[in-house]
Protein backbone atom coordinates (compact mmCIF):
# COMPACT_ATOMS: atom_id res chain seq x y z
CA MET A 1 50.17 -4.03 48.17
CA ALA A 2 50.25 -2.82 44.58
CA GLY A 3 47.53 -5.21 43.25
CA GLY A 4 45.18 -3.77 45.74
CA PHE A 5 46.15 -0.08 44.82
CA PHE A 6 45.47 -1.24 40.88
CA ARG A 7 41.91 -2.48 41.73
CA LYS A 8 40.92 0.18 43.47
CA PHE A 9 42.56 2.77 40.93
CA THR A 10 40.76 1.13 38.31
CA LYS A 11 37.50 0.98 40.33
CA LYS A 12 37.77 4.60 40.85
CA PHE A 13 38.57 5.37 37.20
CA PHE A 14 35.72 3.66 35.70
CA ILE A 15 32.94 5.01 38.39
CA VAL A 16 34.32 8.33 37.35
CA ILE A 17 33.79 7.44 33.71
CA ASN A 18 30.47 5.61 34.10
CA ILE A 19 29.46 9.12 35.80
CA LEU A 20 30.75 11.11 33.03
CA VAL A 21 29.03 9.17 30.34
CA SER A 22 25.65 9.29 32.31
CA LEU A 23 25.69 13.36 32.71
CA ALA A 24 26.80 13.39 29.16
CA PHE A 25 23.84 11.10 28.07
CA VAL A 26 21.25 13.11 30.26
CA ALA A 27 22.71 16.85 28.83
CA ALA A 28 21.69 14.90 25.51
CA CYS A 29 18.23 13.99 26.75
CA LEU A 30 17.34 17.18 27.20
CA ALA A 31 17.76 18.03 22.90
CA PRO A 32 13.74 17.84 22.51
CA TYR A 33 13.66 20.59 24.78
CA LEU A 34 16.36 23.51 24.16
CA ASN A 35 16.70 24.67 20.63
CA PRO A 36 19.90 24.50 19.22
CA ALA A 37 19.36 27.86 17.64
CA LYS A 38 20.76 29.24 21.43
CA TRP A 39 21.82 25.55 22.62
CA TRP A 40 24.08 24.70 19.74
CA LEU A 41 26.42 21.91 21.94
CA ILE A 42 23.31 19.74 22.87
CA GLY A 43 23.26 19.00 18.97
CA PHE A 44 26.44 17.83 19.34
CA LEU A 45 25.52 15.61 21.82
CA GLY A 46 22.27 14.34 20.17
CA LEU A 47 24.75 12.94 17.47
CA ALA A 48 26.54 10.79 20.24
CA VAL A 49 23.34 9.34 21.65
CA PRO A 50 23.64 6.05 20.15
CA TYR A 51 27.19 5.79 21.54
CA LEU A 52 26.44 7.05 24.35
CA ILE A 53 23.67 3.82 25.04
CA VAL A 54 25.84 1.44 24.06
CA LEU A 55 28.46 2.62 26.32
CA HIS A 56 25.94 2.34 29.26
CA ILE A 57 24.97 -1.15 28.10
CA PHE A 58 28.44 -2.17 28.29
CA ALA A 59 28.63 -0.99 31.73
CA ILE A 60 25.75 -2.65 32.94
CA ILE A 61 27.66 -5.51 31.99
CA PHE A 62 30.95 -4.75 33.75
CA TRP A 63 29.10 -3.65 36.77
CA LEU A 64 26.94 -6.65 36.97
CA VAL A 65 30.19 -8.67 37.23
CA ALA A 66 32.67 -6.33 39.17
CA LYS A 67 30.09 -4.72 41.26
CA PRO A 68 26.49 -4.83 40.82
CA ARG A 69 25.24 -1.86 42.75
CA TRP A 70 26.92 0.24 40.72
CA ALA A 71 24.88 -1.27 37.78
CA LEU A 72 21.67 0.47 38.65
CA LEU A 73 23.76 4.17 37.65
CA SER A 74 23.60 2.99 34.07
CA LEU A 75 20.12 1.17 34.03
CA LEU A 76 18.66 4.34 35.84
CA THR A 77 19.85 6.49 33.22
CA LEU A 78 18.61 4.60 30.33
CA ALA A 79 15.11 4.81 31.97
CA VAL A 80 15.19 8.44 32.11
CA GLY A 81 16.56 8.64 28.54
CA TYR A 82 13.94 6.04 27.46
CA LYS A 83 12.31 8.75 25.33
CA GLN A 84 15.63 8.51 23.15
CA ILE A 85 15.43 5.02 23.11
CA THR A 86 11.99 5.05 21.15
CA VAL A 87 12.57 7.31 18.88
CA LEU A 88 15.96 5.60 17.78
CA PHE A 89 15.50 2.01 17.29
CA GLY A 90 12.28 0.43 15.35
CA TRP A 91 11.38 -2.73 16.82
CA HIS A 92 8.92 -4.32 14.39
CA PHE A 93 9.94 -7.03 12.48
CA ARG A 94 8.72 -7.75 9.14
CA HIS A 95 8.69 -10.14 6.63
CA GLY A 96 9.39 -8.02 3.33
CA PHE A 97 7.83 -5.12 1.49
CA GLU A 98 4.94 -6.15 -1.03
CA GLN A 99 5.41 -4.64 -4.06
CA GLN A 100 1.48 -5.53 -4.88
CA LYS A 101 -0.41 -2.08 -3.30
CA GLN A 102 -3.41 -3.02 -1.52
CA ALA A 103 -7.13 -1.56 -2.50
CA GLY A 104 -7.88 1.95 -0.98
CA HIS A 105 -3.92 2.47 0.07
CA ILE A 106 -1.68 5.60 -0.75
CA ARG A 107 1.92 4.86 -1.69
CA PHE A 108 4.35 7.44 -1.12
CA VAL A 109 8.28 7.82 -2.36
CA ASP A 110 10.44 10.07 -0.37
CA TRP A 111 13.85 10.57 -1.56
CA ASN A 112 17.03 13.03 -1.51
CA VAL A 113 18.50 11.98 -4.99
CA GLY A 114 21.33 14.42 -4.87
CA ASN A 115 20.80 16.72 -7.55
CA MET A 116 19.77 13.86 -9.77
CA TYR A 117 23.61 13.18 -10.77
CA GLY A 118 23.91 10.05 -8.42
CA ILE A 119 26.84 9.56 -6.38
CA SER A 120 29.05 8.59 -9.31
CA LYS A 121 32.32 10.87 -10.18
CA ASN A 122 32.37 9.53 -13.59
CA GLN A 123 30.77 12.28 -15.90
CA GLU A 124 29.56 9.78 -18.25
CA LYS A 125 27.61 7.86 -15.45
CA ARG A 126 26.45 11.13 -14.42
CA ARG A 127 24.54 11.83 -17.54
CA HIS A 128 22.82 8.50 -17.06
CA ASN A 129 21.64 8.46 -13.20
CA ARG A 130 19.20 10.79 -14.06
CA THR A 131 16.98 7.87 -15.87
CA GLU A 132 17.84 5.65 -13.97
CA ILE A 133 16.86 7.88 -10.09
CA ALA A 134 13.55 8.08 -12.00
CA ASP A 135 13.26 4.60 -13.29
CA ALA A 136 13.88 3.16 -9.38
CA VAL A 137 11.11 5.32 -8.46
CA LEU A 138 9.05 4.54 -11.04
CA LYS A 139 9.42 1.22 -10.67
CA MET A 140 7.97 1.18 -6.83
CA GLU A 141 4.70 2.72 -8.17
CA PRO A 142 4.12 5.04 -6.03
CA ASP A 143 1.03 7.53 -6.03
CA VAL A 144 2.61 10.43 -4.39
CA ILE A 145 6.47 10.78 -5.10
CA CYS A 146 8.47 13.81 -2.85
CA LEU A 147 12.07 14.26 -3.88
CA GLN A 148 14.98 16.84 -2.46
CA GLU A 149 17.87 18.19 -3.70
CA PHE A 150 16.25 18.05 -7.44
CA ASN A 151 17.06 19.44 -10.31
CA HIS A 152 15.54 20.64 -13.72
CA SER A 153 16.26 23.08 -16.38
CA THR A 154 13.50 24.86 -18.91
CA ARG A 155 16.48 25.83 -21.39
CA GLN A 156 19.15 22.94 -21.46
CA GLY A 157 17.10 20.55 -23.92
CA PRO A 158 15.49 16.99 -23.00
CA GLU A 159 18.53 15.78 -21.42
CA ALA A 160 18.01 18.33 -18.28
CA ASP A 161 13.97 18.13 -18.81
CA ASN A 162 14.31 15.81 -15.61
CA ILE A 163 10.30 17.01 -14.60
CA ALA A 164 9.41 14.99 -17.77
CA LEU A 165 11.25 11.84 -16.51
CA PHE A 166 8.12 11.54 -14.03
CA SER A 167 5.47 14.03 -15.58
CA LYS A 168 3.75 11.71 -18.18
CA LYS A 169 2.56 9.07 -15.32
CA TYR A 170 2.80 12.01 -12.87
CA PRO A 171 0.78 15.28 -14.67
CA HIS A 172 0.39 17.04 -10.97
CA TYR A 173 3.54 18.07 -9.28
CA TYR A 174 4.80 20.93 -7.79
CA PHE A 175 8.62 22.41 -7.81
CA SER A 176 9.51 25.10 -4.83
CA LYS A 177 12.53 26.65 -7.31
CA ASP A 178 14.41 27.42 -4.21
CA TYR A 179 17.61 28.30 -6.44
CA ASN A 180 16.39 29.59 -10.26
CA LYS A 181 19.88 30.46 -12.08
CA ASP A 182 19.15 32.63 -15.76
CA ASN A 183 15.44 32.12 -15.92
CA GLY A 184 15.06 28.45 -15.63
CA PHE A 185 18.48 27.35 -17.01
CA TYR A 186 19.11 25.69 -13.77
CA GLN A 187 16.41 24.97 -10.94
CA TYR A 188 16.76 23.32 -7.80
CA GLY A 189 15.03 22.77 -4.58
CA SER A 190 12.01 20.20 -3.69
CA ILE A 191 9.00 18.66 -5.82
CA ILE A 192 6.21 16.77 -5.29
CA PHE A 193 4.39 14.89 -7.68
CA SER A 194 1.38 12.78 -7.32
CA ARG A 195 -1.14 10.57 -9.26
CA TYR A 196 -3.86 12.80 -8.28
CA PRO A 197 -5.49 16.05 -8.71
CA ILE A 198 -3.46 18.63 -6.38
CA ILE A 199 -6.17 21.49 -5.51
CA LYS A 200 -3.62 23.97 -3.79
CA THR A 201 0.49 24.40 -2.79
CA GLY A 202 2.10 26.97 -1.11
CA ARG A 203 5.56 26.98 -0.34
CA THR A 204 7.44 29.23 2.87
CA VAL A 205 11.20 29.95 2.69
CA TYR A 206 13.39 29.45 5.77
CA LYS A 207 14.90 33.19 7.07
CA GLY A 208 18.54 33.21 6.61
CA THR A 209 21.34 32.92 3.91
CA SER A 210 20.26 29.47 2.93
CA ILE A 211 18.08 28.61 0.09
CA GLU A 212 15.73 25.60 1.89
CA SER A 213 12.24 26.04 1.87
CA LEU A 214 8.91 24.21 3.39
CA ILE A 215 6.54 23.31 0.19
CA TYR A 216 3.00 21.33 0.37
CA ALA A 217 0.33 20.32 -2.33
CA ASP A 218 -3.01 19.47 -1.27
CA ILE A 219 -4.50 16.43 -2.95
CA LYS A 220 -7.52 15.06 -3.51
CA HIS A 221 -8.19 11.11 -3.30
CA ASN A 222 -11.64 9.24 -3.46
CA GLY A 223 -13.20 12.50 -1.92
CA ASP A 224 -10.41 12.78 0.77
CA THR A 225 -7.87 15.86 0.72
CA PHE A 226 -5.07 15.49 2.28
CA ARG A 227 -1.85 17.95 2.31
CA VAL A 228 1.62 16.77 2.11
CA PHE A 229 4.72 18.55 3.09
CA THR A 230 8.45 17.85 2.03
CA THR A 231 11.41 19.79 3.02
CA HIS A 232 15.31 19.93 2.99
CA LEU A 233 16.39 21.45 6.01
CA GLN A 234 20.09 22.72 6.34
CA SER A 235 22.64 20.63 5.71
CA PHE A 236 26.30 20.75 7.24
CA LYS A 237 27.21 21.15 3.66
CA PHE A 238 30.11 19.50 4.16
CA ASN A 239 32.43 19.22 0.88
CA GLU A 240 35.14 17.18 -0.89
CA SER A 241 37.56 19.00 1.50
CA ASP A 242 35.67 18.78 4.35
CA TYR A 243 35.15 14.50 4.27
CA LYS A 244 39.04 14.92 3.81
CA ASP A 245 39.41 16.57 7.09
CA LEU A 246 36.85 14.60 9.00
CA GLU A 247 39.53 11.86 7.76
CA LYS A 248 42.00 13.85 9.33
CA ILE A 249 40.41 13.82 12.58
CA LYS A 250 39.85 9.96 12.49
CA GLU A 251 43.20 9.25 11.96
CA GLN A 252 44.19 11.83 14.52
CA ASP A 253 46.30 13.22 11.43
CA ASP A 254 48.84 16.51 12.54
CA GLU A 255 46.29 18.69 11.16
CA MET A 256 43.69 17.85 13.02
CA LEU A 257 42.91 20.91 14.95
CA SER A 258 42.55 23.11 12.02
CA ALA A 259 40.12 20.27 10.54
CA SER A 260 38.41 19.72 13.74
CA GLU A 261 37.22 24.10 13.82
CA SER A 262 36.25 23.82 10.10
CA ILE A 263 33.91 21.37 10.39
CA PHE A 264 33.12 22.38 14.33
CA ARG A 265 31.88 25.82 12.64
CA LYS A 266 29.64 24.37 9.64
CA MET A 267 27.87 21.61 12.31
CA LYS A 268 27.25 24.54 14.68
CA LEU A 269 25.63 26.71 11.75
CA ALA A 270 23.86 24.24 10.83
CA PHE A 271 22.60 23.05 14.24
CA SER A 272 21.16 27.05 14.84
CA ARG A 273 19.53 26.97 11.18
CA ARG A 274 17.48 23.37 11.57
CA GLY A 275 16.34 24.97 15.28
CA ARG A 276 14.80 27.88 13.94
CA GLN A 277 13.59 25.91 10.41
CA ALA A 278 11.99 23.63 12.52
CA GLU A 279 10.06 26.33 14.38
CA THR A 280 8.77 27.52 11.18
CA VAL A 281 8.06 24.24 9.80
CA LEU A 282 5.59 23.36 13.22
CA LYS A 283 3.79 26.51 12.55
CA GLU A 284 2.68 25.65 9.46
CA MET A 285 1.98 22.16 9.36
CA ASN A 286 -0.56 23.51 12.45
CA LYS A 287 -2.24 25.51 9.76
CA SER A 288 -2.99 22.75 7.64
CA PRO A 289 -7.34 22.07 7.47
CA HIS A 290 -6.51 18.59 5.97
CA PRO A 291 -4.83 15.33 7.03
CA SER A 292 -1.09 15.77 6.47
CA LEU A 293 1.53 14.40 6.28
CA ILE A 294 5.75 15.42 6.33
CA CYS A 295 8.61 14.15 5.06
CA GLY A 296 12.14 14.93 4.16
CA ASP A 297 15.63 15.55 4.31
CA PHE A 298 15.77 16.77 8.28
CA ASN A 299 19.22 16.55 8.00
CA ASP A 300 19.38 15.77 11.65
CA VAL A 301 18.89 12.70 13.80
CA PRO A 302 16.10 11.19 15.68
CA ASN A 303 17.43 12.80 19.05
CA SER A 304 17.83 16.38 17.94
CA TYR A 305 15.23 19.25 18.37
CA ALA A 306 14.48 19.42 14.84
CA TYR A 307 13.01 15.80 15.26
CA PHE A 308 11.29 16.13 17.91
CA HIS A 309 9.92 19.17 17.46
CA ILE A 310 8.43 18.37 14.07
CA ARG A 311 7.56 15.12 14.69
CA GLY A 312 5.12 16.27 18.29
CA ASN A 313 2.22 13.73 18.16
CA ARG A 314 2.69 12.75 14.58
CA GLN A 315 3.63 8.99 13.83
CA ASP A 316 7.19 7.75 12.32
CA ALA A 317 6.76 5.34 9.37
CA PHE A 318 9.94 3.84 9.93
CA LEU A 319 9.23 3.15 13.81
CA LYS A 320 5.79 2.14 12.92
CA LYS A 321 6.93 -0.89 10.68
CA ASP A 322 10.47 -1.24 10.69
CA TYR A 323 13.72 -2.53 12.85
CA GLY A 324 16.84 -1.48 13.67
CA ILE A 325 18.64 2.04 13.83
CA GLY A 326 17.44 2.64 10.35
CA ARG A 327 20.31 4.07 8.52
CA THR A 328 19.16 7.07 5.75
CA TYR A 329 22.36 8.47 5.14
CA ASN A 330 25.40 6.76 3.76
CA ALA A 331 28.29 8.93 4.56
CA ILE A 332 30.29 9.99 8.03
CA ALA A 333 28.31 7.13 10.53
CA PRO A 334 26.43 4.32 10.81
CA THR A 335 24.18 5.66 12.72
CA LEU A 336 22.27 8.85 10.62
CA ARG A 337 18.56 8.43 10.13
CA ILE A 338 17.99 11.57 8.56
CA ASP A 339 15.13 11.04 6.47
CA TYR A 340 11.74 10.69 7.53
CA VAL A 341 8.11 9.75 6.84
CA LEU A 342 5.82 11.18 9.41
CA PRO A 343 1.73 10.90 8.86
CA ASP A 344 -0.35 12.45 11.75
CA ASN A 345 -2.57 10.31 13.62
CA ASN A 346 -5.30 10.01 10.51
CA PHE A 347 -3.29 8.00 8.05
CA ASN A 348 -3.23 4.45 9.38
CA VAL A 349 0.92 3.23 8.50
CA HIS A 350 0.41 -0.59 6.63
CA GLN A 351 4.22 -1.20 5.65
CA PHE A 352 7.54 0.75 4.75
CA GLU A 353 10.68 0.21 3.19
CA MET A 354 13.91 1.52 2.95
CA VAL A 355 15.59 1.17 -0.73
CA ASP A 356 19.18 1.60 -1.09
CA GLU A 357 19.56 2.20 -4.67
CA ASP A 358 23.02 3.10 -4.69
CA LEU A 359 22.27 5.96 -6.99
CA SER A 360 22.00 8.29 -4.21
CA ASP A 361 24.19 9.13 -0.69
CA HIS A 362 20.54 8.94 0.99
CA LEU A 363 18.08 5.67 0.97
CA MET A 364 14.59 6.02 -0.89
CA LEU A 365 12.21 5.67 1.31
CA VAL A 366 8.61 3.88 0.77
CA THR A 367 5.79 3.69 2.90
CA ASP A 368 1.44 2.55 1.83
CA LEU A 369 -0.82 5.05 3.86
CA SER A 370 -4.20 4.61 4.28
CA LEU A 371 -6.69 7.69 5.23
CA ASN A 372 -9.10 7.19 8.21
CA LYS A 373 -12.41 6.64 7.67
CA LYS A 374 -14.78 8.71 10.08
């Protein structure tokens, strides 16, 4: 008697849980269509997509053993969300990245370099990280370099002249200077370096209180012109105390509630701003008269409105040539692919690599492209 009651209760419990997980996943699948500037809750659900998929896989296995017909619920839910699954996983197993670039290919490097200071807390090491970061980029022998969270000074001498670390080999560059303290004493933003001539540049400042912007450079190569966009979208702006708050939440500390409120406010604001920024990016990209690609730190996952809105019909270099989830950010969670290289369909994607130099909290993205010849 007691055993029968327990079985019925367990079955109903797992059915309810399965339904709730399915509803959460279906809601998260609306992320590409609902701007978090108005529908901010969707941003939070987007972060949970990888975990919801894993739960559905476990549910399918469980129900195939316990009650096979209930496995259909998770199967159908995953089928509804196939679009979310296709952008989350790369399925192209490769045989290593070829350092030797093929003739006619253009190599791009994209990297959030974390202010050129690296991730070390040691001040002595931080002084050297700027040169180590530059060396890590240069050894890849790229043709075009896009860096976010780049800093430079025109007034602090050679040890703060970070443009000089690249400009000998890459004489053509465009720096956004999103933050310019004391007329060049400290400058911060995104930068594009090119081995080839830059014939036009542009910058669009995002509305609001953030200092991020979208920049582009038109690059001339072998008689062709292509446009490179790069940007750094609104981050959560977590500081050291916020990361401590995250640990409190994980450990269910007594201060978990106040910690959660602080984290929640920052995340809600960032989701909203990125939604508006994504619309600005798409509007500016649509003005390009040339083949184009956009790369950068979107600070949002592939299941997000920002990613889907900006990507549109563009290719994702990671999905074209790599495998796995493709984590590009080393903190918070193991599922954060927030940095991208998205060329339009005028490009061929030949190879792609994520390089962890342990010099930034982001991984370096390297990809070889070529232009379609008409």
